[in-house]
Structures are given as structure tokens and as C-alpha cells.
């Protein structure tokens, strides 16, 4: 699993990813599925490097675009905090990065924003969508050399890295669009609701990580169908 990434603190001030990350780590250990990318590195060093590049690049672009969207819509909270940058160190969360190495998935620091400063009534939705759409755009750019065959000129390693960027950025985008807090999809829905329903949605947000964990524990095939099936369809479309 990969891409359990925070889409910003946003409405409700929820910051549950440490708990969620620990829960997933325990879940993977109990299921016997905890295979560290470092353990696989000796068998497939290029694949390991490609995976790390794809995820670090994906998280960095994803978080930057949350900050950029908020800035363009009138809220400079992220810019003041140094998040309006493509420097990965500004966006990587220490525990999320550790999970990336130990469990094969990770997340970045949340990009904070002040909802009241956003100029658009749909500002929260636009900020939330910016991250996943940036991942799709990054995947599309990386897919161009693969689609037109120019990647072969630079060798198999180059093509494998590009393929990893395409795949994992599509997975990141789709996973984050699932409308369960703390994923971006929850804020997409929040921004589309009338004020009264937004209040109810805030109440739902605190239970989101537990709901997401329950799906992973008891119905992982549902999440796989919802995330990986459309992500792979996008990959096939982009690569051709």
C-alpha cells in the first residue's frame, strides 16, 4: 500500500496520520505482508531506486500544488511556513518517510490552509483537488517517453524509473481522492457541501481514519478495486 498522504489539515483541524500510519504498520505486520523496500533492494536495486524516486517526487509535487492552489486563492499560510517550494525536505514527514522505507508506503506533511481566507466558495475543493491532479499531470509527463518509445534510447533503468513514476503517481492520485478523511477526497466533498452539511461532515472527519482502517482490515479487496483498477486504467491510457 502506498499514498496514505494527508491532503492538508483544512476543515476540522484533523491530524490523524501518525495514528493511521502506526495502525497500518501493525496491520501489515499481523498480516505478514510487511516486506520492506530495503529488503527487496538487494534483489531489484533499480526497482527500489525507481520506487523511492517516484514516491518522493509524487509527494513533493502533490504537497507543493496544495500550497500553490491555496496561495493563488488568497491564503498565504503555506507560503509563510515555507511550503511553497519543490524542495522535498519541506514536504517529507519524518515518520511518513520511515514508513516509506519500512512498509512501502508513506505520506507527507500536511499543507495547512485557512479556509476563511480562500476567495472562492469552492476554495477547499480546489485546494484538495490540486494535489491529485498534479500527480496525474506528473504521470502524464513521465509517460510521454514511454508512449513514443524514446525511453528505450536511455536504457532499461531509465524506462523502469519512468514507469514507476507513472504507476505510483496514478495510485497516489486515485487513493487520495477516496472521500474518507484524512484523504483529499474528504475535503473535495466538504467544499461542495452547503454550510449546514459541512458542519456534519466535520463531525464525520474524526472517524475517517478508523473507517479507512476498517476497510483495509475487513474489505481490502474493495479498496483495491476502487484504487488500483482505475489507477491501472489511467496508466494504460497514458502509456498506450
Protein backbone atom coordinates (compact mmCIF):
# COMPACT_ATOMS: atom_id res chain seq x y z
CA UNK A 1 0.00 0.00 0.00
CA UNK A 2 1.19 3.46 -0.75
CA UNK A 3 -0.04 7.01 -0.69
CA UNK A 4 -1.63 7.39 2.72
CA UNK A 5 -0.95 11.05 2.49
CA UNK A 6 -2.53 13.99 4.23
CA UNK A 7 -4.28 16.47 2.00
CA UNK A 8 -3.96 19.34 4.45
CA UNK A 9 -5.30 20.00 7.91
CA UNK A 10 -8.08 22.11 6.49
CA UNK A 11 -11.56 21.92 7.96
CA UNK A 12 -11.78 20.47 11.41
CA UNK A 13 -8.02 20.68 12.12
CA UNK A 14 -7.72 16.88 11.90
CA UNK A 15 -4.19 15.48 12.13
CA UNK A 16 -4.62 11.69 12.36
CA UNK A 17 -1.87 10.33 10.15
CA UNK A 18 0.53 9.31 12.89
CA UNK A 19 -2.16 7.08 14.39
CA UNK A 20 -3.17 5.85 10.95
CA UNK A 21 0.41 5.09 9.95
CA UNK A 22 1.04 3.12 13.14
CA UNK A 23 -2.19 1.20 12.64
CA UNK A 24 -1.27 0.26 9.07
CA UNK A 25 2.21 -0.76 10.19
CA UNK A 26 0.70 -3.08 12.83
CA UNK A 27 -1.85 -4.35 10.30
CA UNK A 28 0.83 -5.19 7.74
CA UNK A 29 2.91 -6.94 10.42
CA UNK A 30 -0.03 -9.05 11.63
CA UNK A 31 -0.99 -9.99 8.09
CA UNK A 32 2.57 -10.98 7.31
CA UNK A 33 2.68 -8.60 4.37
CA UNK A 34 5.32 -6.28 5.75
CA UNK A 35 8.10 -6.57 3.18
CA UNK A 36 10.44 -3.64 3.46
CA UNK A 37 11.54 -1.99 0.22
CA UNK A 38 15.04 -2.14 1.68
CA UNK A 39 14.73 -5.94 1.87
CA UNK A 40 13.79 -6.03 -1.81
CA UNK A 41 16.62 -3.66 -2.76
CA UNK A 42 19.25 -6.39 -2.98
CA UNK A 43 17.13 -8.39 -5.45
CA UNK A 44 15.99 -5.40 -7.50
CA UNK A 45 18.12 -2.32 -6.81
CA UNK A 46 16.81 -0.43 -9.86
CA UNK A 47 13.22 -1.13 -8.82
CA UNK A 48 13.97 0.11 -5.31
CA UNK A 49 15.52 3.33 -6.60
CA UNK A 50 12.63 3.80 -9.04
CA UNK A 51 10.08 3.33 -6.26
CA UNK A 52 11.78 5.86 -3.97
CA UNK A 53 12.15 8.43 -6.76
CA UNK A 54 8.50 8.01 -7.78
CA UNK A 55 7.12 8.40 -4.27
CA UNK A 56 9.36 11.26 -3.12
CA UNK A 57 8.69 13.12 -6.37
CA UNK A 58 4.97 12.39 -6.14
CA UNK A 59 4.63 13.55 -2.54
CA UNK A 60 6.69 16.70 -3.22
CA UNK A 61 4.67 17.77 -6.27
CA UNK A 62 1.41 16.82 -4.56
CA UNK A 63 2.09 18.92 -1.47
CA UNK A 64 3.54 21.83 -3.43
CA UNK A 65 0.38 22.06 -5.51
CA UNK A 66 -1.80 22.14 -2.39
CA UNK A 67 0.28 25.11 -1.20
CA UNK A 68 0.25 26.77 -4.64
CA UNK A 69 -3.52 26.42 -5.03
CA UNK A 70 -4.14 27.92 -1.59
CA UNK A 71 -1.74 30.77 -2.40
CA UNK A 72 -3.47 31.52 -5.70
CA UNK A 73 -6.85 31.52 -3.95
CA UNK A 74 -5.73 34.09 -1.37
CA UNK A 75 -4.32 32.15 1.58
CA UNK A 76 -0.58 32.51 2.18
CA UNK A 77 -0.42 30.25 5.25
CA UNK A 78 1.55 27.57 3.42
CA UNK A 79 3.88 30.10 1.77
CA UNK A 80 4.72 31.73 5.10
CA UNK A 81 5.51 28.29 6.53
CA UNK A 82 7.91 27.54 3.67
CA UNK A 83 5.72 25.01 1.89
CA UNK A 84 5.53 26.82 -1.45
CA UNK A 85 8.64 25.04 -2.67
CA UNK A 86 9.66 21.96 -4.65
CA UNK A 87 12.33 21.09 -2.07
CA UNK A 88 11.35 17.58 -0.88
CA UNK A 89 12.71 18.27 2.60
CA UNK A 90 9.95 20.83 3.16
CA UNK A 91 7.24 18.24 2.49
CA UNK A 92 8.52 14.88 3.76
CA UNK A 93 7.22 13.85 7.16
CA UNK A 94 9.84 12.02 9.32
CA UNK A 95 7.52 9.18 10.30
CA UNK A 96 5.92 9.07 6.87
CA UNK A 97 9.38 8.74 5.31
CA UNK A 98 10.30 5.97 7.78
CA UNK A 99 7.14 4.12 6.80
CA UNK A 100 8.12 4.51 3.17
CA UNK A 101 11.30 2.53 3.85
CA UNK A 102 9.80 0.03 6.31
CA UNK A 103 6.39 -0.69 4.82
CA UNK A 104 6.44 0.51 1.23
CA UNK A 105 4.05 3.43 1.65
CA UNK A 106 4.41 6.91 3.03
CA UNK A 107 2.89 10.32 3.43
CA UNK A 108 3.97 13.92 3.54
CA UNK A 109 3.49 16.75 5.97
CA UNK A 110 0.01 18.26 5.78
CA UNK A 111 -0.22 21.56 3.99
CA UNK A 112 -2.13 23.87 6.34
CA UNK A 113 -4.54 26.42 4.94
CA UNK A 114 -7.01 28.89 6.34
CA UNK A 115 -10.41 28.22 4.84
CA UNK A 116 -11.71 31.69 5.71
CA UNK A 117 -9.02 33.35 3.57
CA UNK A 118 -9.85 31.48 0.37
CA UNK A 119 -11.52 33.79 -2.13
CA UNK A 120 -13.63 31.12 -3.80
CA UNK A 121 -16.68 29.44 -2.28
CA UNK A 122 -15.23 26.20 -3.66
CA UNK A 123 -11.73 27.03 -2.41
CA UNK A 124 -11.40 23.98 -0.17
CA UNK A 125 -12.37 21.71 -3.04
CA UNK A 126 -9.90 23.37 -5.42
CA UNK A 127 -7.06 23.13 -2.89
CA UNK A 128 -7.85 19.47 -2.21
CA UNK A 129 -8.03 18.59 -5.91
CA UNK A 130 -4.75 20.32 -6.73
CA UNK A 131 -2.61 17.55 -5.23
CA UNK A 132 -4.15 14.53 -7.00
CA UNK A 133 -4.42 16.42 -10.31
CA UNK A 134 -0.73 17.31 -10.03
CA UNK A 135 0.09 13.60 -9.63
CA UNK A 136 -1.88 12.78 -12.79
CA UNK A 137 -0.10 15.56 -14.66
CA UNK A 138 3.29 14.29 -13.47
CA UNK A 139 2.37 10.76 -14.55
CA UNK A 140 1.31 12.06 -17.98
CA UNK A 141 4.63 13.86 -18.49
CA UNK A 142 6.63 10.80 -17.41
CA UNK A 143 4.55 8.60 -19.73
CA UNK A 144 5.43 10.55 -22.88
CA UNK A 145 8.88 8.95 -23.46
CA UNK A 146 7.36 5.53 -22.77
CA UNK A 147 4.43 6.11 -25.11
CA UNK A 148 6.59 7.24 -28.01
CA UNK A 149 9.49 4.86 -27.46
CA UNK A 150 12.18 7.42 -26.71
CA UNK A 151 12.78 5.92 -23.25
CA UNK A 152 14.49 2.93 -24.89
CA UNK A 153 17.30 5.20 -26.08
CA UNK A 154 18.46 5.72 -22.49
CA UNK A 155 18.19 2.09 -21.39
CA UNK A 156 16.01 -0.17 -19.28
CA UNK A 157 16.78 1.57 -15.97
CA UNK A 158 15.51 4.89 -17.30
CA UNK A 159 12.34 3.25 -18.59
CA UNK A 160 11.77 1.48 -15.27
CA UNK A 161 12.07 4.73 -13.34
CA UNK A 162 9.63 6.45 -15.68
CA UNK A 163 7.24 3.52 -15.38
CA UNK A 164 7.37 3.71 -11.59
CA UNK A 165 6.65 7.45 -11.68
CA UNK A 166 3.63 6.85 -13.89
CA UNK A 167 2.25 3.95 -11.84
CA UNK A 168 2.71 5.28 -8.32
CA UNK A 169 1.58 8.79 -9.13
CA UNK A 170 -1.64 7.39 -10.56
CA UNK A 171 -2.08 5.29 -7.42
CA UNK A 172 -1.35 8.33 -5.23
CA UNK A 173 -3.91 10.41 -7.09
CA UNK A 174 -6.73 7.86 -7.00
CA UNK A 175 -6.10 6.80 -3.41
CA UNK A 176 -6.16 10.38 -2.21
CA UNK A 177 -9.47 11.01 -3.98
CA UNK A 178 -11.24 8.39 -1.86
CA UNK A 179 -13.71 10.51 0.20
CA UNK A 180 -12.61 9.21 3.59
CA UNK A 181 -10.75 11.56 5.96
CA UNK A 182 -7.87 12.31 6.14
CA UNK A 183 -7.58 11.80 2.37
CA UNK A 184 -8.04 14.66 -0.09
CA UNK A 185 -11.36 13.29 -1.31
CA UNK A 186 -12.93 14.16 2.04
CA UNK A 187 -12.05 17.84 1.57
CA UNK A 188 -13.26 17.72 -2.04
CA UNK A 189 -16.68 16.64 -0.75
CA UNK A 190 -16.55 19.11 2.16
CA UNK A 191 -16.03 22.07 -0.18
CA UNK A 192 -19.06 21.11 -2.26
CA UNK A 193 -21.49 20.88 0.67
CA UNK A 194 -23.81 23.64 1.98
CA UNK A 195 -22.73 25.17 5.34
CA UNK A 196 -25.06 23.04 7.46
CA UNK A 197 -23.87 19.82 5.88
CA UNK A 198 -20.27 20.98 6.21
CA UNK A 199 -20.74 21.04 9.98
CA UNK A 200 -21.94 17.43 9.90
CA UNK A 201 -19.03 16.47 7.66
CA UNK A 202 -16.58 17.90 10.22
CA UNK A 203 -18.04 15.51 12.79
CA UNK A 204 -17.55 12.62 10.36
CA UNK A 205 -13.91 13.57 9.80
CA UNK A 206 -12.77 12.43 13.23
CA UNK A 207 -13.92 8.89 12.46
CA UNK A 208 -12.38 8.79 8.99
CA UNK A 209 -9.06 7.10 9.87
CA UNK A 210 -10.88 4.35 11.73
CA UNK A 211 -13.23 3.82 8.80
CA UNK A 212 -10.30 3.66 6.41
CA UNK A 213 -8.54 1.17 8.66
CA UNK A 214 -11.72 -0.93 8.91
CA UNK A 215 -11.92 -1.11 5.12
CA UNK A 216 -8.29 -2.22 4.96
CA UNK A 217 -8.82 -4.86 7.65
CA UNK A 218 -12.13 -6.33 6.59
CA UNK A 219 -12.58 -5.46 2.92
CA UNK A 220 -9.17 -4.77 1.34
CA UNK A 221 -10.47 -6.05 -1.99
CA UNK A 222 -12.89 -3.10 -2.09
CA UNK A 223 -10.10 -0.57 -1.65
CA UNK A 224 -8.00 -2.44 -4.20
CA UNK A 225 -10.85 -2.31 -6.72
CA UNK A 226 -11.53 1.36 -6.01
CA UNK A 227 -7.88 2.43 -6.19
CA UNK A 228 -5.76 0.08 -8.27
CA UNK A 229 -8.27 -0.76 -11.01
CA UNK A 230 -8.79 2.89 -12.08
CA UNK A 231 -5.12 3.73 -11.47
CA UNK A 232 -4.00 0.93 -13.79
CA UNK A 233 -6.60 2.01 -16.36
CA UNK A 234 -5.09 5.51 -16.34
CA UNK A 235 -1.58 4.05 -16.64
CA UNK A 236 -2.63 2.03 -19.70
CA UNK A 237 -4.25 5.11 -21.24
CA UNK A 238 -1.17 7.26 -20.66
CA UNK A 239 1.40 4.77 -21.88
CA UNK A 240 -0.73 3.45 -24.72
